[in-house]
Amino acid sequence: MTIYVKEATEEKPLQSLESFLLEMEEVERALVDVEEGGVAITFDPDQISADQLAKRIQLEGFHLVE
């Protein structure tokens, strides 16, 4: 799944977002494209849905771009 996060184009929020995602046991991999603000996330759909993952990212204070 790829999501776009407003803060993913700035270095400090980028590090925070990567750390947050990689600490989640449901997330297997997270790759951030700083130029585009896209985050490619590989996760276990048996443990969390894409919607649940997006909501947890928003609860951490990140803003998703549609």
Protein backbone atom coordinates (compact mmCIF):
# COMPACT_ATOMS: atom_id res chain seq x y z
CA MET A 1 0.00 0.00 0.00
CA THR A 2 1.25 3.49 -0.78
CA ILE A 3 -0.01 6.51 1.10
CA TYR A 4 0.95 10.14 0.80
CA VAL A 5 1.79 12.02 3.96
CA LYS A 6 2.14 15.79 4.05
CA GLU A 7 5.00 15.69 6.56
CA ALA A 8 6.97 13.00 4.67
CA THR A 9 8.81 15.67 2.65
CA GLU A 10 10.51 17.12 5.74
CA GLU A 11 13.47 15.35 7.40
CA LYS A 12 12.52 15.37 11.10
CA PRO A 13 8.91 14.24 10.60
CA LEU A 14 10.20 11.70 8.09
CA GLN A 15 12.44 10.09 10.70
CA SER A 16 9.60 10.09 13.19
CA LEU A 17 7.22 8.48 10.69
CA GLU A 18 9.72 5.78 9.73
CA SER A 19 10.44 4.98 13.38
CA PHE A 20 6.75 4.81 14.21
CA LEU A 21 5.99 2.47 11.31
CA LEU A 22 8.94 0.17 11.86
CA GLU A 23 8.08 -0.22 15.55
CA MET A 24 4.66 -1.62 14.63
CA GLU A 25 4.79 -5.41 14.56
CA GLU A 26 2.14 -5.48 11.81
CA VAL A 27 4.44 -3.51 9.47
CA GLU A 28 7.07 -5.54 7.64
CA ARG A 29 8.64 -2.68 5.66
CA ALA A 30 8.23 1.05 5.10
CA LEU A 31 9.94 3.01 2.33
CA VAL A 32 9.55 6.78 2.20
CA ASP A 33 9.94 8.85 -0.98
CA VAL A 34 11.00 12.25 0.35
CA GLU A 35 10.49 14.08 -2.95
CA GLU A 36 6.92 12.89 -3.48
CA GLY A 37 5.86 12.41 0.13
CA GLY A 38 4.81 8.84 -0.59
CA VAL A 39 5.21 6.01 1.88
CA ALA A 40 5.18 2.43 0.57
CA ILE A 41 4.16 0.15 3.42
CA THR A 42 4.26 -3.65 3.44
CA PHE A 43 2.13 -5.01 6.27
CA ASP A 44 0.40 -8.18 7.43
CA PRO A 45 -3.27 -7.86 6.41
CA ASP A 46 -4.16 -10.63 8.86
CA GLN A 47 -3.13 -8.33 11.72
CA ILE A 48 -4.24 -4.90 10.50
CA SER A 49 -6.27 -3.49 7.61
CA ALA A 50 -5.15 -0.64 5.35
CA ASP A 51 -7.83 1.60 6.89
CA GLN A 52 -6.71 0.78 10.42
CA LEU A 53 -3.10 1.49 9.49
CA ALA A 54 -4.03 4.85 7.95
CA LYS A 55 -6.00 5.79 11.08
CA ARG A 56 -3.05 4.91 13.36
CA ILE A 57 -0.77 7.10 11.24
CA GLN A 58 -3.25 9.97 11.57
CA LEU A 59 -3.51 9.42 15.33
CA GLU A 60 0.27 9.92 15.49
CA GLY A 61 -0.29 13.44 14.13
CA PHE A 62 0.48 12.88 10.45
CA HIS A 63 -1.79 14.23 7.73
CA LEU A 64 -2.66 11.98 4.81
CA VAL A 65 -2.93 13.57 1.36
CA GLU A 66 -5.52 12.20 -1.06
